[in-house]
Amino acid sequence: MEAPSRIANIKNKFEKIISRFTEILQESPVEILISLFSFMYATGVHEEVITTNTKYVFLMPLFFVFSFVVNRIFITQKHRLVYYLSLLPFFLFWWINVDTWIWSAGYAVAIIIAGLFLFSFKQNRQNNTFVTNAIQYTSEIAGSLFLMLAAYALIVSIYFSLKYIFNITETDREFWTYSSLFIFVVGWPLTFLMLHNDSEENDENMLINGEPGIFTILLNYLISPALLIYTVILYLYFIKILVLWSLPKGGIAYMVFAFVLVAVIAGACQPLLKKQPYKWFYNYFSFISLPALL
């Protein structure tokens, strides 16, 4: 594939991602606002701007499930106001201090009730339908969590590789706080909404049509882009070695080993995908990885 075609392909992929997020924003604005407000609240607690009721953000799953269910009950345009008003509980209950309640059995019971509410709001009277619905939601929650854990692991590995290679000595406290908050308070709900909307629309990338959506997202949207970024980082380090005429750090061997291992596994999984936008990278990986191996 020629370079202009690759650039056009990558541009088209980013346009599709932006279009998909725009669609989710239009379909589930309240759920996304709850996630963003929760992120801002947690940030305020971390920066000590908010000093009371600091555990209030832990109620976010309850508010999210409530708005999610209301969104799927009041789907007609004339009833959408009810859905938009489902954002209000996030602010109305703030005066209740939940700092001690969060660590009690009551919180665990509330989470369980929210889960049962999510599984049963469609009022499926047949046991098979209820179980199918419960399995679908459980798999979407678990799948989105798995994707966010994978994304978090990739972000952490890239961050600390940059720190190690280029001798960055800044503290890691802010990185751990803001990266984890964004991944699990914003990224996880957003990914769940994406997986759920895809399953409702019977998207061609979902398992129902022969290709697991989670598997596709993991390879094409997380691992492969991370490998490309990692490749750039390593080559920048090679240039630094040549310019400064210095020996590489010993830890680079471990980084290169993990880099090659992940790339080989991801390349071996490419035939399982219907669309292989990074096939060119894996086809030439033997040559791309040669400087790193040397």
C-alpha atoms as a PDB file:
ATOM      1  CA  MET A   1       0.000   0.000   0.000  1.00  0.00           C
ATOM      2  CA  GLU A   2       1.378   3.403  -0.977  1.00  0.00           C
ATOM      3  CA  ALA A   3       1.993   6.061   1.641  1.00  0.00           C
ATOM      4  CA  PRO A   4      -0.818   8.419   0.477  1.00  0.00           C
ATOM      5  CA  SER A   5      -3.282   5.522   0.671  1.00  0.00           C
ATOM      6  CA  ARG A   6      -2.140   4.715   4.205  1.00  0.00           C
ATOM      7  CA  ILE A   7      -2.529   8.339   5.262  1.00  0.00           C
ATOM      8  CA  ALA A   8      -5.999   8.465   3.705  1.00  0.00           C
ATOM      9  CA  ASN A   9      -6.905   5.230   5.471  1.00  0.00           C
ATOM     10  CA  ILE A  10      -5.764   6.554   8.847  1.00  0.00           C
ATOM     11  CA  LYS A  11      -7.623   9.831   8.237  1.00  0.00           C
ATOM     12  CA  ASN A  12     -10.774   7.905   7.342  1.00  0.00           C
ATOM     13  CA  LYS A  13     -10.434   5.846  10.534  1.00  0.00           C
ATOM     14  CA  PHE A  14     -10.163   8.949  12.714  1.00  0.00           C
ATOM     15  CA  GLU A  15     -13.196  10.445  10.981  1.00  0.00           C
ATOM     16  CA  LYS A  16     -15.173   7.288  11.741  1.00  0.00           C
ATOM     17  CA  ILE A  17     -14.105   7.403  15.393  1.00  0.00           C
ATOM     18  CA  ILE A  18     -15.141  11.056  15.706  1.00  0.00           C
ATOM     19  CA  SER A  19     -18.433  10.287  13.956  1.00  0.00           C
ATOM     20  CA  ARG A  20     -19.072   7.380  16.343  1.00  0.00           C
ATOM     21  CA  PHE A  21     -18.404   9.496  19.428  1.00  0.00           C
ATOM     22  CA  THR A  22     -20.630  12.257  18.034  1.00  0.00           C
ATOM     23  CA  GLU A  23     -23.416   9.733  17.565  1.00  0.00           C
ATOM     24  CA  ILE A  24     -23.059   8.487  21.141  1.00  0.00           C
ATOM     25  CA  LEU A  25     -23.062  12.081  22.405  1.00  0.00           C
ATOM     26  CA  GLN A  26     -26.337  12.712  20.578  1.00  0.00           C
ATOM     27  CA  GLU A  27     -27.931   9.492  21.833  1.00  0.00           C
ATOM     28  CA  SER A  28     -26.735   9.592  25.461  1.00  0.00           C
ATOM     29  CA  PRO A  29     -25.864  13.179  26.435  1.00  0.00           C
ATOM     30  CA  VAL A  30     -26.988  12.879  30.069  1.00  0.00           C
ATOM     31  CA  GLU A  31     -24.927   9.749  30.772  1.00  0.00           C
ATOM     32  CA  ILE A  32     -21.851  11.449  29.315  1.00  0.00           C
ATOM     33  CA  LEU A  33     -22.502  14.616  31.333  1.00  0.00           C
ATOM     34  CA  ILE A  34     -22.741  12.526  34.510  1.00  0.00           C
ATOM     35  CA  SER A  35     -19.354  10.993  33.694  1.00  0.00           C
ATOM     36  CA  LEU A  36     -17.801  14.394  32.982  1.00  0.00           C
ATOM     37  CA  PHE A  37     -19.296  16.003  36.123  1.00  0.00           C
ATOM     38  CA  SER A  38     -18.023  13.062  38.177  1.00  0.00           C
ATOM     39  CA  PHE A  39     -14.553  13.525  36.682  1.00  0.00           C
ATOM     40  CA  MET A  40     -14.635  17.245  37.504  1.00  0.00           C
ATOM     41  CA  TYR A  41     -15.859  16.482  41.034  1.00  0.00           C
ATOM     42  CA  ALA A  42     -13.082  13.945  41.629  1.00  0.00           C
ATOM     43  CA  THR A  43     -10.566  16.442  40.251  1.00  0.00           C
ATOM     44  CA  GLY A  44     -11.866  19.065  42.670  1.00  0.00           C
ATOM     45  CA  VAL A  45     -11.421  16.624  45.552  1.00  0.00           C
ATOM     46  CA  HIS A  46      -7.882  15.821  44.444  1.00  0.00           C
ATOM     47  CA  GLU A  47      -6.965  19.502  44.165  1.00  0.00           C
ATOM     48  CA  GLU A  48      -8.600  20.108  47.585  1.00  0.00           C
ATOM     49  CA  VAL A  49     -11.091  22.550  46.118  1.00  0.00           C
ATOM     50  CA  ILE A  50     -13.847  20.270  47.455  1.00  0.00           C
ATOM     51  CA  THR A  51     -13.188  19.297  51.070  1.00  0.00           C
ATOM     52  CA  THR A  52     -16.603  17.966  52.171  1.00  0.00           C
ATOM     53  CA  ASN A  53     -18.547  14.962  50.926  1.00  0.00           C
ATOM     54  CA  THR A  54     -15.410  13.802  49.121  1.00  0.00           C
ATOM     55  CA  LYS A  55     -16.751  10.299  48.378  1.00  0.00           C
ATOM     56  CA  TYR A  56     -19.819  11.567  46.532  1.00  0.00           C
ATOM     57  CA  VAL A  57     -18.305  10.549  43.190  1.00  0.00           C
ATOM     58  CA  PHE A  58     -18.781   6.892  44.198  1.00  0.00           C
ATOM     59  CA  LEU A  59     -22.523   7.414  43.620  1.00  0.00           C
ATOM     60  CA  MET A  60     -21.803   7.983  39.934  1.00  0.00           C
ATOM     61  CA  PRO A  61     -22.704   4.353  38.921  1.00  0.00           C
ATOM     62  CA  LEU A  62     -26.151   4.757  40.508  1.00  0.00           C
ATOM     63  CA  PHE A  63     -26.863   8.042  38.689  1.00  0.00           C
ATOM     64  CA  PHE A  64     -25.467   6.624  35.449  1.00  0.00           C
ATOM     65  CA  VAL A  65     -27.683   3.512  35.550  1.00  0.00           C
ATOM     66  CA  PHE A  66     -30.734   5.627  36.378  1.00  0.00           C
ATOM     67  CA  SER A  67     -30.227   7.945  33.387  1.00  0.00           C
ATOM     68  CA  PHE A  68     -29.293   5.001  31.144  1.00  0.00           C
ATOM     69  CA  VAL A  69     -32.580   3.237  31.938  1.00  0.00           C
ATOM     70  CA  VAL A  70     -34.669   6.410  31.631  1.00  0.00           C
ATOM     71  CA  ASN A  71     -33.017   7.035  28.253  1.00  0.00           C
ATOM     72  CA  ARG A  72     -34.293   3.677  27.000  1.00  0.00           C
ATOM     73  CA  ILE A  73     -37.789   4.053  28.434  1.00  0.00           C
ATOM     74  CA  PHE A  74     -38.574   7.577  27.250  1.00  0.00           C
ATOM     75  CA  ILE A  75     -37.378   7.280  23.669  1.00  0.00           C
ATOM     76  CA  THR A  76     -40.025   9.366  21.899  1.00  0.00           C
ATOM     77  CA  GLN A  77     -39.253  13.011  21.236  1.00  0.00           C
ATOM     78  CA  LYS A  78     -42.186  14.326  23.302  1.00  0.00           C
ATOM     79  CA  HIS A  79     -40.958  12.407  26.362  1.00  0.00           C
ATOM     80  CA  ARG A  80     -37.282  13.314  26.047  1.00  0.00           C
ATOM     81  CA  LEU A  81     -37.640  16.071  28.649  1.00  0.00           C
ATOM     82  CA  VAL A  82     -38.063  13.367  31.284  1.00  0.00           C
ATOM     83  CA  TYR A  83     -34.753  11.885  30.187  1.00  0.00           C
ATOM     84  CA  TYR A  84     -32.966  15.240  30.340  1.00  0.00           C
ATOM     85  CA  LEU A  85     -34.333  15.798  33.851  1.00  0.00           C
ATOM     86  CA  SER A  86     -32.692  12.533  34.942  1.00  0.00           C
ATOM     87  CA  LEU A  87     -29.505  14.584  35.331  1.00  0.00           C
ATOM     88  CA  LEU A  88     -30.973  16.462  38.307  1.00  0.00           C
ATOM     89  CA  PRO A  89     -30.476  13.722  40.972  1.00  0.00           C
ATOM     90  CA  PHE A  90     -26.719  14.111  40.538  1.00  0.00           C
ATOM     91  CA  PHE A  91     -27.049  17.633  41.985  1.00  0.00           C
ATOM     92  CA  LEU A  92     -30.099  17.196  44.235  1.00  0.00           C
ATOM     93  CA  PHE A  93     -28.495  14.563  46.465  1.00  0.00           C
ATOM     94  CA  TRP A  94     -25.213  16.405  46.938  1.00  0.00           C
ATOM     95  CA  TRP A  95     -26.271  17.789  50.307  1.00  0.00           C
ATOM     96  CA  ILE A  96     -26.297  14.228  51.719  1.00  0.00           C
ATOM     97  CA  ASN A  97     -22.853  13.364  53.073  1.00  0.00           C
ATOM     98  CA  VAL A  98     -21.994   9.840  51.936  1.00  0.00           C
ATOM     99  CA  ASP A  99     -18.387   9.680  53.162  1.00  0.00           C
ATOM    100  CA  THR A 100     -19.179   7.046  55.796  1.00  0.00           C
ATOM    101  CA  TRP A 101     -22.062   5.348  53.965  1.00  0.00           C
ATOM    102  CA  ILE A 102     -19.796   4.401  51.030  1.00  0.00           C
ATOM    103  CA  TRP A 103     -17.876   1.958  53.263  1.00  0.00           C
ATOM    104  CA  SER A 104     -21.012   0.300  54.631  1.00  0.00           C
ATOM    105  CA  ALA A 105     -22.997  -2.680  53.372  1.00  0.00           C
ATOM    106  CA  GLY A 106     -25.687  -0.272  52.215  1.00  0.00           C
ATOM    107  CA  TYR A 107     -23.546   0.911  49.319  1.00  0.00           C
ATOM    108  CA  ALA A 108     -22.919  -2.642  48.123  1.00  0.00           C
ATOM    109  CA  VAL A 109     -26.653  -3.357  48.312  1.00  0.00           C
ATOM    110  CA  ALA A 110     -27.385  -0.177  46.320  1.00  0.00           C
ATOM    111  CA  ILE A 111     -24.970  -1.278  43.577  1.00  0.00           C
ATOM    112  CA  ILE A 112     -26.616  -4.723  43.439  1.00  0.00           C
ATOM    113  CA  ILE A 113     -30.083  -3.158  43.209  1.00  0.00           C
ATOM    114  CA  ALA A 114     -28.866  -0.864  40.410  1.00  0.00           C
ATOM    115  CA  GLY A 115     -27.582  -3.904  38.535  1.00  0.00           C
ATOM    116  CA  LEU A 116     -30.882  -5.764  38.960  1.00  0.00           C
ATOM    117  CA  PHE A 117     -32.713  -2.634  37.823  1.00  0.00           C
ATOM    118  CA  LEU A 118     -30.545  -2.547  34.718  1.00  0.00           C
ATOM    119  CA  PHE A 119     -31.245  -6.212  33.939  1.00  0.00           C
ATOM    120  CA  SER A 120     -34.999  -6.071  34.498  1.00  0.00           C
ATOM    121  CA  PHE A 121     -36.228  -2.660  33.339  1.00  0.00           C
ATOM    122  CA  LYS A 122     -37.382  -4.085  29.990  1.00  0.00           C
ATOM    123  CA  GLN A 123     -39.896  -6.184  31.955  1.00  0.00           C
ATOM    124  CA  ASN A 124     -39.118  -9.416  30.145  1.00  0.00           C
ATOM    125  CA  ARG A 125     -41.487 -12.000  31.589  1.00  0.00           C
ATOM    126  CA  GLN A 126     -39.794 -14.960  29.941  1.00  0.00           C
ATOM    127  CA  ASN A 127     -36.829 -16.375  31.808  1.00  0.00           C
ATOM    128  CA  ASN A 128     -34.763 -16.938  28.645  1.00  0.00           C
ATOM    129  CA  THR A 129     -35.194 -13.330  27.543  1.00  0.00           C
ATOM    130  CA  PHE A 130     -34.259 -12.015  30.989  1.00  0.00           C
ATOM    131  CA  VAL A 131     -31.139 -14.184  31.164  1.00  0.00           C
ATOM    132  CA  THR A 132     -30.100 -13.153  27.636  1.00  0.00           C
ATOM    133  CA  ASN A 133     -30.557  -9.499  28.552  1.00  0.00           C
ATOM    134  CA  ALA A 134     -28.578  -9.935  31.779  1.00  0.00           C
ATOM    135  CA  ILE A 135     -25.730 -11.703  29.972  1.00  0.00           C
ATOM    136  CA  GLN A 136     -25.635  -8.962  27.333  1.00  0.00           C
ATOM    137  CA  TYR A 137     -25.310  -6.152  29.877  1.00  0.00           C
ATOM    138  CA  THR A 138     -22.813  -8.083  31.990  1.00  0.00           C
ATOM    139  CA  SER A 139     -20.624  -8.840  28.972  1.00  0.00           C
ATOM    140  CA  GLU A 140     -20.761  -5.199  27.859  1.00  0.00           C
ATOM    141  CA  ILE A 141     -19.779  -3.951  31.327  1.00  0.00           C
ATOM    142  CA  ALA A 142     -16.986  -6.521  31.632  1.00  0.00           C
ATOM    143  CA  GLY A 143     -15.852  -6.000  28.028  1.00  0.00           C
ATOM    144  CA  SER A 144     -15.655  -2.226  28.369  1.00  0.00           C
ATOM    145  CA  LEU A 145     -13.741  -2.613  31.656  1.00  0.00           C
ATOM    146  CA  PHE A 146     -11.306  -5.019  29.976  1.00  0.00           C
ATOM    147  CA  LEU A 147     -10.707  -2.546  27.141  1.00  0.00           C
ATOM    148  CA  MET A 148     -10.085   0.304  29.568  1.00  0.00           C
ATOM    149  CA  LEU A 149      -7.679  -1.819  31.623  1.00  0.00           C
ATOM    150  CA  ALA A 150      -5.812  -2.652  28.419  1.00  0.00           C
ATOM    151  CA  ALA A 151      -5.774   1.026  27.413  1.00  0.00           C
ATOM    152  CA  TYR A 152      -4.531   1.987  30.870  1.00  0.00           C
ATOM    153  CA  ALA A 153      -1.736  -0.600  30.730  1.00  0.00           C
ATOM    154  CA  LEU A 154      -0.643   0.696  27.320  1.00  0.00           C
ATOM    155  CA  ILE A 155      -0.704   4.329  28.481  1.00  0.00           C
ATOM    156  CA  VAL A 156       1.308   3.484  31.604  1.00  0.00           C
ATOM    157  CA  SER A 157       3.886   1.509  29.616  1.00  0.00           C
ATOM    158  CA  ILE A 158       4.344   4.350  27.101  1.00  0.00           C
ATOM    159  CA  TYR A 159       4.550   6.971  29.856  1.00  0.00           C
ATOM    160  CA  PHE A 160       7.194   5.175  31.906  1.00  0.00           C
ATOM    161  CA  SER A 161       9.132   4.205  28.796  1.00  0.00           C
ATOM    162  CA  LEU A 162       9.365   7.896  27.902  1.00  0.00           C
ATOM    163  CA  LYS A 163      10.443   8.728  31.455  1.00  0.00           C
ATOM    164  CA  TYR A 164      13.112   6.029  31.467  1.00  0.00           C
ATOM    165  CA  ILE A 165      14.487   6.669  27.998  1.00  0.00           C
ATOM    166  CA  PHE A 166      14.632  10.465  28.139  1.00  0.00           C
ATOM    167  CA  ASN A 167      15.482  10.825  31.866  1.00  0.00           C
ATOM    168  CA  ILE A 168      12.286  12.629  32.852  1.00  0.00           C
ATOM    169  CA  THR A 169      12.316  13.043  36.626  1.00  0.00           C
ATOM    170  CA  GLU A 170       8.920  14.643  37.284  1.00  0.00           C
ATOM    171  CA  THR A 171       6.694  13.154  39.982  1.00  0.00           C
ATOM    172  CA  ASP A 172       4.187  10.500  38.947  1.00  0.00           C
ATOM    173  CA  ARG A 173       1.416  11.443  41.374  1.00  0.00           C
ATOM    174  CA  GLU A 174      -0.482  13.689  38.975  1.00  0.00           C
ATOM    175  CA  PHE A 175      -0.145  11.158  36.158  1.00  0.00           C
ATOM    176  CA  TRP A 176      -1.581   8.310  38.240  1.00  0.00           C
ATOM    177  CA  THR A 177      -4.465  10.440  39.492  1.00  0.00           C
ATOM    178  CA  TYR A 178      -5.645  12.055  36.279  1.00  0.00           C
ATOM    179  CA  SER A 179      -5.009   9.099  33.984  1.00  0.00           C
ATOM    180  CA  SER A 180      -6.898   6.677  36.226  1.00  0.00           C
ATOM    181  CA  LEU A 181      -9.761   9.123  36.751  1.00  0.00           C
ATOM    182  CA  PHE A 182     -10.141   9.770  33.041  1.00  0.00           C
ATOM    183  CA  ILE A 183      -9.890   6.102  32.057  1.00  0.00           C
ATOM    184  CA  PHE A 184     -12.340   4.735  34.635  1.00  0.00           C
ATOM    185  CA  VAL A 185     -14.707   7.673  35.216  1.00  0.00           C
ATOM    186  CA  VAL A 186     -15.007   8.881  31.609  1.00  0.00           C
ATOM    187  CA  GLY A 187     -13.517   6.207  29.357  1.00  0.00           C
ATOM    188  CA  TRP A 188     -15.232   3.179  30.893  1.00  0.00           C
ATOM    189  CA  PRO A 189     -18.808   4.567  30.684  1.00  0.00           C
ATOM    190  CA  LEU A 190     -18.188   5.895  27.178  1.00  0.00           C
ATOM    191  CA  THR A 191     -16.860   2.530  25.994  1.00  0.00           C
ATOM    192  CA  PHE A 192     -19.827   0.753  27.583  1.00  0.00           C
ATOM    193  CA  LEU A 193     -22.225   3.042  25.701  1.00  0.00           C
ATOM    194  CA  MET A 194     -20.375   2.364  22.470  1.00  0.00           C
ATOM    195  CA  LEU A 195     -20.505  -1.420  22.911  1.00  0.00           C
ATOM    196  CA  HIS A 196     -24.156  -1.328  23.904  1.00  0.00           C
ATOM    197  CA  ASN A 197     -25.205   0.866  20.991  1.00  0.00           C
ATOM    198  CA  ASP A 198     -23.308  -1.391  18.601  1.00  0.00           C
ATOM    199  CA  SER A 199     -25.061  -4.476  19.959  1.00  0.00           C
ATOM    200  CA  GLU A 200     -28.462  -2.784  19.685  1.00  0.00           C
ATOM    201  CA  GLU A 201     -27.782  -1.887  16.065  1.00  0.00           C
ATOM    202  CA  ASN A 202     -26.302  -5.329  15.258  1.00  0.00           C
ATOM    203  CA  ASP A 203     -23.105  -3.651  14.066  1.00  0.00           C
ATOM    204  CA  GLU A 204     -21.039  -5.660  11.604  1.00  0.00           C
ATOM    205  CA  ASN A 205     -18.113  -5.733  13.991  1.00  0.00           C
ATOM    206  CA  MET A 206     -20.006  -7.454  16.766  1.00  0.00           C
ATOM    207  CA  LEU A 207     -19.850 -11.138  17.593  1.00  0.00           C
ATOM    208  CA  ILE A 208     -23.382 -11.674  16.269  1.00  0.00           C
ATOM    209  CA  ASN A 209     -22.017 -11.306  12.749  1.00  0.00           C
ATOM    210  CA  GLY A 210     -18.916 -13.403  13.226  1.00  0.00           C
ATOM    211  CA  GLU A 211     -16.312 -10.925  14.460  1.00  0.00           C
ATOM    212  CA  PRO A 212     -16.001 -10.013  18.149  1.00  0.00           C
ATOM    213  CA  GLY A 213     -16.245  -6.240  18.568  1.00  0.00           C
ATOM    214  CA  ILE A 214     -14.080  -6.222  21.705  1.00  0.00           C
ATOM    215  CA  PHE A 215     -11.355  -8.186  19.904  1.00  0.00           C
ATOM    216  CA  THR A 216     -11.461  -5.754  16.965  1.00  0.00           C
ATOM    217  CA  ILE A 217     -11.324  -2.668  19.187  1.00  0.00           C
ATOM    218  CA  LEU A 218      -8.469  -4.149  21.217  1.00  0.00           C
ATOM    219  CA  LEU A 219      -6.291  -4.830  18.170  1.00  0.00           C
ATOM    220  CA  ASN A 220      -7.216  -2.037  15.755  1.00  0.00           C
ATOM    221  CA  TYR A 221      -7.837   0.832  18.167  1.00  0.00           C
ATOM    222  CA  LEU A 222      -5.596   0.106  21.163  1.00  0.00           C
ATOM    223  CA  ILE A 223      -2.701  -2.299  20.626  1.00  0.00           C
ATOM    224  CA  SER A 224      -1.736  -1.419  17.033  1.00  0.00           C
ATOM    225  CA  PRO A 225      -1.739   2.394  17.554  1.00  0.00           C
ATOM    226  CA  ALA A 226       0.221   1.885  20.803  1.00  0.00           C
ATOM    227  CA  LEU A 227       2.791  -0.206  18.935  1.00  0.00           C
ATOM    228  CA  LEU A 228       3.171   2.557  16.351  1.00  0.00           C
ATOM    229  CA  ILE A 229       3.720   5.129  19.113  1.00  0.00           C
ATOM    230  CA  TYR A 230       6.195   2.814  20.806  1.00  0.00           C
ATOM    231  CA  THR A 231       8.044   2.386  17.507  1.00  0.00           C
ATOM    232  CA  VAL A 232       8.395   6.159  17.171  1.00  0.00           C
ATOM    233  CA  ILE A 233       9.682   6.403  20.770  1.00  0.00           C
ATOM    234  CA  LEU A 234      12.311   3.718  20.179  1.00  0.00           C
ATOM    235  CA  TYR A 235      13.490   5.298  16.931  1.00  0.00           C
ATOM    236  CA  LEU A 236      13.762   8.693  18.632  1.00  0.00           C
ATOM    237  CA  TYR A 237      15.945   7.023  21.241  1.00  0.00           C
ATOM    238  CA  PHE A 238      18.092   5.464  18.508  1.00  0.00           C
ATOM    239  CA  ILE A 239      18.594   8.927  17.019  1.00  0.00           C
ATOM    240  CA  LYS A 240      19.537  10.237  20.475  1.00  0.00           C
ATOM    241  CA  ILE A 241      22.130   7.445  20.831  1.00  0.00           C
ATOM    242  CA  LEU A 242      23.652   8.288  17.449  1.00  0.00           C
ATOM    243  CA  VAL A 243      23.728  12.028  18.123  1.00  0.00           C
ATOM    244  CA  LEU A 244      25.207  11.735  21.630  1.00  0.00           C
ATOM    245  CA  TRP A 245      27.236   8.646  20.677  1.00  0.00           C
ATOM    246  CA  SER A 246      26.360   6.854  23.909  1.00  0.00           C
ATOM    247  CA  LEU A 247      25.539   3.284  24.901  1.00  0.00           C
ATOM    248  CA  PRO A 248      21.841   2.376  25.342  1.00  0.00           C
ATOM    249  CA  LYS A 249      20.449   1.822  28.814  1.00  0.00           C
ATOM    250  CA  GLY A 250      20.274  -1.760  30.004  1.00  0.00           C
ATOM    251  CA  GLY A 251      16.533  -1.627  30.604  1.00  0.00           C
ATOM    252  CA  ILE A 252      15.956  -1.092  26.887  1.00  0.00           C
ATOM    253  CA  ALA A 253      16.418  -4.851  26.394  1.00  0.00           C
ATOM    254  CA  TYR A 254      13.302  -5.578  28.469  1.00  0.00           C
ATOM    255  CA  MET A 255      11.322  -2.901  26.646  1.00  0.00           C
ATOM    256  CA  VAL A 256      12.311  -4.254  23.230  1.00  0.00           C
ATOM    257  CA  PHE A 257      11.499  -7.819  24.287  1.00  0.00           C
ATOM    258  CA  ALA A 258       7.978  -6.820  25.402  1.00  0.00           C
ATOM    259  CA  PHE A 259       7.536  -4.646  22.293  1.00  0.00           C
ATOM    260  CA  VAL A 260       8.479  -7.470  19.897  1.00  0.00           C
ATOM    261  CA  LEU A 261       6.453 -10.066  21.804  1.00  0.00           C
ATOM    262  CA  VAL A 262       3.251  -8.000  21.736  1.00  0.00           C
ATOM    263  CA  ALA A 263       3.772  -7.108  18.064  1.00  0.00           C
ATOM    264  CA  VAL A 264       4.285 -10.755  17.069  1.00  0.00           C
ATOM    265  CA  ILE A 265       1.113 -11.826  18.911  1.00  0.00           C
ATOM    266  CA  ALA A 266      -0.902  -8.947  17.420  1.00  0.00           C
ATOM    267  CA  GLY A 267       0.449  -9.757  13.958  1.00  0.00           C
ATOM    268  CA  ALA A 268      -0.510 -13.414  14.343  1.00  0.00           C
ATOM    269  CA  CYS A 269      -4.081 -12.336  15.207  1.00  0.00           C
ATOM    270  CA  GLN A 270      -4.483 -10.144  12.115  1.00  0.00           C
ATOM    271  CA  PRO A 271      -6.009 -12.905   9.916  1.00  0.00           C
ATOM    272  CA  LEU A 272      -8.855 -13.167  12.445  1.00  0.00           C
ATOM    273  CA  LEU A 273      -9.953  -9.614  11.603  1.00  0.00           C
ATOM    274  CA  LYS A 274     -12.190  -8.672   8.709  1.00  0.00           C
ATOM    275  CA  LYS A 275     -10.486  -5.301   8.388  1.00  0.00           C
ATOM    276  CA  GLN A 276      -6.722  -5.056   8.795  1.00  0.00           C
ATOM    277  CA  PRO A 277      -5.773  -1.344   8.581  1.00  0.00           C
ATOM    278  CA  TYR A 278      -2.347  -2.022  10.133  1.00  0.00           C
ATOM    279  CA  LYS A 279      -1.473  -5.027   7.996  1.00  0.00           C
ATOM    280  CA  TRP A 280       1.327  -3.040   6.335  1.00  0.00           C
ATOM    281  CA  PHE A 281       2.956  -2.470   9.740  1.00  0.00           C
ATOM    282  CA  TYR A 282       2.986  -6.163  10.620  1.00  0.00           C
ATOM    283  CA  ASN A 283       4.122  -7.153   7.107  1.00  0.00           C
ATOM    284  CA  TYR A 284       7.236  -5.000   7.491  1.00  0.00           C
ATOM    285  CA  PHE A 285       7.691  -5.516  11.227  1.00  0.00           C
ATOM    286  CA  SER A 286      10.741  -7.759  10.729  1.00  0.00           C
ATOM    287  CA  PHE A 287      12.572  -4.781   9.211  1.00  0.00           C
ATOM    288  CA  ILE A 288      11.000  -2.207  11.552  1.00  0.00           C
ATOM    289  CA  SER A 289      12.097  -4.123  14.674  1.00  0.00           C
ATOM    290  CA  LEU A 290      15.628  -4.838  13.407  1.00  0.00           C
ATOM    291  CA  PRO A 291      17.257  -1.651  14.859  1.00  0.00           C
ATOM    292  CA  ALA A 292      15.589  -2.343  18.207  1.00  0.00           C
ATOM    293  CA  LEU A 293      16.790  -5.955  18.232  1.00  0.00           C
ATOM    294  CA  LEU A 294      20.324  -4.886  17.331  1.00  0.00           C
END
